[in-house]
Amino acid sequence: MRGYPLRYQSGEERALVTLEQRYYTNWYPLRLARVGAAVFFDGGRVWDRDAFNSQNLGWLRDVGFGLRLSLTRSGLGSVGHIDFAFPLDGDPSIDPFQLLVGVQSTF
C-alpha cells in the first residue's frame, strides 16, 4: 500500500487491489528517459490465520499519482517510479502523504 508507512499493518495473509491508469508521452528529454505518468488507487488489508486471537485491522485505501521514467540508457530495462500517495484511512499519526522513489522492471 503506497499511502502508508512500511509495516503499518502486519499479518500472515493479505488482500490487495490496485487500479492504475498509465499515460504515455512523447517527451524524451536529452534522450535519457521517456516520460510517463500514472494515477492509482490501492485497497487492501492483512490478517492472521488465527482469526480468534488477532485483532481486526480493517481495510485501508489510498489514492495517488506518479511519474514514470523509462531509462533508455540503462542496459537493465528499468523504469524509475516517483509516486505521491495519499492515505484515505488510518490513524492521525501517519503523514498525510507518502513519497516513494524506486526502480522497477515495469512501466
C-alpha atoms as a PDB file:
ATOM      1  CA  MET A   1       0.000   0.000   0.000  1.00  0.00           C
ATOM      2  CA  ARG A   2       1.742   3.090  -1.261  1.00  0.00           C
ATOM      3  CA  GLY A   3      -0.075   5.543   1.042  1.00  0.00           C
ATOM      4  CA  TYR A   4       1.056   4.020   4.328  1.00  0.00           C
ATOM      5  CA  PRO A   5       4.371   3.617   6.140  1.00  0.00           C
ATOM      6  CA  LEU A   6       6.218   0.331   5.774  1.00  0.00           C
ATOM      7  CA  ARG A   7       4.797  -2.354   8.100  1.00  0.00           C
ATOM      8  CA  TYR A   8       1.797  -0.197   9.081  1.00  0.00           C
ATOM      9  CA  GLN A   9      -0.188  -3.429   9.344  1.00  0.00           C
ATOM     10  CA  SER A  10       1.213  -6.883   9.904  1.00  0.00           C
ATOM     11  CA  GLY A  11      -0.154 -10.355   9.448  1.00  0.00           C
ATOM     12  CA  GLU A  12       0.295 -13.638   7.649  1.00  0.00           C
ATOM     13  CA  GLU A  13      -2.404 -13.201   4.983  1.00  0.00           C
ATOM     14  CA  ARG A  14      -3.214 -10.265   2.713  1.00  0.00           C
ATOM     15  CA  ALA A  15      -5.650  -8.985   0.120  1.00  0.00           C
ATOM     16  CA  LEU A  16      -4.645  -6.171  -2.230  1.00  0.00           C
ATOM     17  CA  VAL A  17      -6.423  -4.471  -5.121  1.00  0.00           C
ATOM     18  CA  THR A  18      -4.563  -1.950  -7.265  1.00  0.00           C
ATOM     19  CA  LEU A  19      -6.135   0.064 -10.060  1.00  0.00           C
ATOM     20  CA  GLU A  20      -3.716   2.126 -12.122  1.00  0.00           C
ATOM     21  CA  GLN A  21      -4.166   4.219 -15.243  1.00  0.00           C
ATOM     22  CA  ARG A  22      -0.964   4.976 -17.136  1.00  0.00           C
ATOM     23  CA  TYR A  23      -0.356   7.844 -19.502  1.00  0.00           C
ATOM     24  CA  TYR A  24       2.419   7.836 -22.074  1.00  0.00           C
ATOM     25  CA  THR A  25       4.004  10.960 -23.535  1.00  0.00           C
ATOM     26  CA  ASN A  26       6.347  11.621 -26.423  1.00  0.00           C
ATOM     27  CA  TRP A  27       8.606  13.683 -24.175  1.00  0.00           C
ATOM     28  CA  TYR A  28      12.158  12.302 -24.355  1.00  0.00           C
ATOM     29  CA  PRO A  29      14.393  14.864 -22.575  1.00  0.00           C
ATOM     30  CA  LEU A  30      18.074  14.742 -23.566  1.00  0.00           C
ATOM     31  CA  ARG A  31      17.432  11.255 -24.987  1.00  0.00           C
ATOM     32  CA  LEU A  32      17.956   9.873 -21.461  1.00  0.00           C
ATOM     33  CA  ALA A  33      14.468   8.823 -20.417  1.00  0.00           C
ATOM     34  CA  ARG A  34      10.978   8.528 -21.818  1.00  0.00           C
ATOM     35  CA  VAL A  35       8.499  10.240 -19.514  1.00  0.00           C
ATOM     36  CA  GLY A  36       5.076   8.981 -18.499  1.00  0.00           C
ATOM     37  CA  ALA A  37       2.627   9.328 -15.633  1.00  0.00           C
ATOM     38  CA  ALA A  38       0.172   7.236 -13.643  1.00  0.00           C
ATOM     39  CA  VAL A  39      -2.781   7.725 -11.309  1.00  0.00           C
ATOM     40  CA  PHE A  40      -3.711   4.917  -8.946  1.00  0.00           C
ATOM     41  CA  PHE A  41      -5.948   3.532  -6.214  1.00  0.00           C
ATOM     42  CA  ASP A  42      -4.860   0.849  -3.741  1.00  0.00           C
ATOM     43  CA  GLY A  43      -7.104  -1.026  -1.326  1.00  0.00           C
ATOM     44  CA  GLY A  44      -6.243  -3.886   0.965  1.00  0.00           C
ATOM     45  CA  ARG A  45      -5.790  -5.403   4.369  1.00  0.00           C
ATOM     46  CA  VAL A  46      -3.815  -8.017   6.252  1.00  0.00           C
ATOM     47  CA  TRP A  47      -4.833 -10.558   8.870  1.00  0.00           C
ATOM     48  CA  ASP A  48      -3.500 -13.531  10.785  1.00  0.00           C
ATOM     49  CA  ARG A  49      -4.522 -17.111  10.144  1.00  0.00           C
ATOM     50  CA  ASP A  50      -5.642 -17.438  13.757  1.00  0.00           C
ATOM     51  CA  ALA A  51      -8.766 -15.281  13.437  1.00  0.00           C
ATOM     52  CA  PHE A  52      -9.780 -15.843  17.074  1.00  0.00           C
ATOM     53  CA  ASN A  53      -6.676 -14.284  18.629  1.00  0.00           C
ATOM     54  CA  SER A  54      -5.982 -11.493  16.147  1.00  0.00           C
ATOM     55  CA  GLN A  55      -7.458  -8.028  16.060  1.00  0.00           C
ATOM     56  CA  ASN A  56      -9.363  -6.825  13.010  1.00  0.00           C
ATOM     57  CA  LEU A  57      -7.133  -4.178  11.457  1.00  0.00           C
ATOM     58  CA  GLY A  58      -9.634  -3.302   8.760  1.00  0.00           C
ATOM     59  CA  TRP A  59      -9.319  -2.262   5.146  1.00  0.00           C
ATOM     60  CA  LEU A  60      -7.023   0.551   4.071  1.00  0.00           C
ATOM     61  CA  ARG A  61      -7.310   2.682   0.927  1.00  0.00           C
ATOM     62  CA  ASP A  62      -5.098   5.237  -0.779  1.00  0.00           C
ATOM     63  CA  VAL A  63      -5.007   7.272  -3.977  1.00  0.00           C
ATOM     64  CA  GLY A  64      -2.136   8.962  -5.735  1.00  0.00           C
ATOM     65  CA  PHE A  65      -0.235   9.897  -8.831  1.00  0.00           C
ATOM     66  CA  GLY A  66       3.246   9.232 -10.107  1.00  0.00           C
ATOM     67  CA  LEU A  67       5.906   9.963 -12.655  1.00  0.00           C
ATOM     68  CA  ARG A  68       7.432   7.161 -14.730  1.00  0.00           C
ATOM     69  CA  LEU A  69      10.883   7.455 -16.292  1.00  0.00           C
ATOM     70  CA  SER A  70      11.846   4.727 -18.728  1.00  0.00           C
ATOM     71  CA  LEU A  71      15.638   4.851 -18.530  1.00  0.00           C
ATOM     72  CA  THR A  72      16.734   4.269 -22.122  1.00  0.00           C
ATOM     73  CA  ARG A  73      20.474   4.389 -21.407  1.00  0.00           C
ATOM     74  CA  SER A  74      20.233   1.609 -18.844  1.00  0.00           C
ATOM     75  CA  GLY A  75      21.014  -1.905 -20.055  1.00  0.00           C
ATOM     76  CA  LEU A  76      18.651  -3.338 -17.447  1.00  0.00           C
ATOM     77  CA  GLY A  77      15.417  -2.071 -18.997  1.00  0.00           C
ATOM     78  CA  SER A  78      14.418  -0.454 -15.726  1.00  0.00           C
ATOM     79  CA  VAL A  79      11.766   2.173 -15.048  1.00  0.00           C
ATOM     80  CA  GLY A  80      12.067   4.848 -12.363  1.00  0.00           C
ATOM     81  CA  HIS A  81       8.917   5.378 -10.291  1.00  0.00           C
ATOM     82  CA  ILE A  82       8.251   8.529  -8.296  1.00  0.00           C
ATOM     83  CA  ASP A  83       4.875   8.231  -6.537  1.00  0.00           C
ATOM     84  CA  PHE A  84       2.885  10.549  -4.289  1.00  0.00           C
ATOM     85  CA  ALA A  85       0.279   8.549  -2.335  1.00  0.00           C
ATOM     86  CA  PHE A  86      -2.421   9.898  -0.038  1.00  0.00           C
ATOM     87  CA  PRO A  87      -3.965   7.582   2.607  1.00  0.00           C
ATOM     88  CA  LEU A  88      -7.749   7.636   2.933  1.00  0.00           C
ATOM     89  CA  ASP A  89      -7.894   5.592   6.161  1.00  0.00           C
ATOM     90  CA  GLY A  90      -5.716   5.016   9.189  1.00  0.00           C
ATOM     91  CA  ASP A  91      -4.982   6.939  12.342  1.00  0.00           C
ATOM     92  CA  PRO A  92      -3.863  10.601  12.585  1.00  0.00           C
ATOM     93  CA  SER A  93      -0.286   9.625  13.499  1.00  0.00           C
ATOM     94  CA  ILE A  94       0.641   8.844   9.879  1.00  0.00           C
ATOM     95  CA  ASP A  95       1.744  11.509   7.426  1.00  0.00           C
ATOM     96  CA  PRO A  96      -0.895  12.986   5.081  1.00  0.00           C
ATOM     97  CA  PHE A  97       1.086  11.718   2.074  1.00  0.00           C
ATOM     98  CA  GLN A  98       3.897   9.314   1.267  1.00  0.00           C
ATOM     99  CA  LEU A  99       6.641   9.916  -1.294  1.00  0.00           C
ATOM    100  CA  LEU A 100       8.019   6.724  -2.814  1.00  0.00           C
ATOM    101  CA  VAL A 101      11.016   6.565  -5.143  1.00  0.00           C
ATOM    102  CA  GLY A 102      12.121   3.311  -6.698  1.00  0.00           C
ATOM    103  CA  VAL A 103      13.184   1.408  -9.776  1.00  0.00           C
ATOM    104  CA  GLN A 104      11.143  -1.456 -11.209  1.00  0.00           C
ATOM    105  CA  SER A 105      11.216  -3.530 -14.339  1.00  0.00           C
ATOM    106  CA  THR A 106       7.754  -2.399 -15.499  1.00  0.00           C
ATOM    107  CA  PHE A 107       6.245   0.920 -16.516  1.00  0.00           C
END
